[in-house]
Amino acid sequence: MSDENKPTIQPVQSPTSEADVAAFVDRWFAQYGLRIVSNYARAGAPFYLLAALCCRWIVPPDLVVGGTLSLAAIGTESVLWQLLERVVSERLLGRLVIVQAYVANLFILLGMSVFLYGTARNEQTSSVQLILVGMIWGASSWTTGIFTPVLGNRVISLFLVCFFVVLAVLHAAGIQQLPTLAVVAMLGVVTVALFFMEEYGRLIEQARLQKKMADLEGSHQRLRLKAIEMEIRLASELQLALPKPPDQMRFGRYLIDFFAVQYSNLGGDWLASRDIGSDGVLIAVGDVSGKGVPAAMVLQAVQSLWAAQLDAEFSPIAWLTMVNDTLLDMGYTPGGQSMTLGLLLLRPDKIEYFSAGHVPLIFLRGIGSDVRVEMVAGQGAPLGILANPDIRSVTVELVDHQPYQLMLGTCGIFDWHTRKRFKRVLALAEAVNRDGIHALREHPGQGDKILVIVRDSPAQVA
């Protein structure tokens, strides 16, 4: 492949305008604000309703009615919000969140005004009690502050309203130390407001950072897709480059048919054959564990080892051992790169089967209704897992003048469901003999399908 045709990965540009960032921040704050309002309602409803029930025992008598009504109103309003958020549309709910923030603060402001006015007007109120009410009022300003993500800069107006309401209530109650209390109240409001506005700025930066992270993740995903596309193309080119045996070949008394149906460009099955002179013909069928580039690399390595022995005296056991050692070297751990492999050696006088964890060789004896099905299971472990796969050959005994048919395939053909019922094996053999490769395409299964059939002559088909 020339340099100008080599696939390259180009950085995917996904420019984000300030308007996109602003829209993302708005959506982020809408979701964040909804959680705040909902959590406030869930936590506040039982608290304020319980306080309303206990009000007669914890406040002065002249504040019982006003306090009970105020607390009950806040709790009831929180319950109504929980019911309302379940039935309104998402678009309307976004608007109601802002309304809820103002309404919740209004009820709290009215309730605290009742407590502050009653405490300030009561001549028996001690300085300690007045300080406690002031602390409670200051704590209520934090309730205003937690709605900052909902209201944004508009929350400042709420703080100012709280400040002036405090002054109005104290003035109406006739508090003599009004100037001093006004300064204290202002300091409290300013402190709380500055804290929450600082938090608001931090949340804005957090939202913008999440937008950047989302953009980076999107760019990363696009780059991954590009890399996967290139990986698929590379694996496909590697597999397409592997030489294929002919559709049919003869050797002495044997007629051999090769069938291969590729499920996708990233299959893990391998089919090869070679003439080893007067000693016979060797047929190899392999099934790599995994797909994609790793499987293609395994097949390329196996094919290279296969081609390296073209001019040498071929020993099936030695070659399978060499493949096993290579796969062990390729994998990070034993089994990282593995495959099953079946070798069928057709000699003039006998047939040998070498299996490295491969599916059994199917041996059909006889013809017509007298066909018998035998499973010839070789001995040996899959390659790339053990240092010594302990592979031993199995000899297939042929009877003179008895029709036979040998079938060597992959798991895509002879899966467990097919092998455990001989009727399915016979039906498959009959279909392939009648319809050829079309029968394999119709055979159930989603993997690659490789099948090799060896017999005496076309006239002796089962």
Foldseek 3Di string as FASTA:
>chain_A
DDPVPDDDFDQDDDDDDPVNLVVLLVVVLLVVLVVLLLVCLVVLQVVLQVCLVCQCPPDDPVLNVLLNVLSNVLNVLSVVVVVVVVPDDPVVVSVVSLVSLVVNLVSVLSNLLSVQLVLLLDPPRDPVNNVVSVVVLLVVVVSLLSSCSSCPPCSLVVLVVSLVSNLVSNVVSPPPCSVVVSVVSVVSSVVSVVVSNVVNVVSSVVSSVVVVVVVVVVSVVVSVVSVQVSQLVVLLVLVVPQDDDDQWDDDAQKTKGKAWDALDSWAQKDWDKDAQPLFFIKIKIKHKPDTTNLSSVLRNVLSVLVVVCRPPRDDVVVSLLVSLVVLLVVAPHQVNTWMKMWMWGDHNQWIKIKTACFFFKWKWWAADPPTDTDTHDWQFHIGRHDNGRPIDIDIDDDDPPIWMKIKGKHCQQVPPVQVVDVVSVVVLQVCCLVPNNVSSVVDDGSHMIIMMMMTRDNVRRD
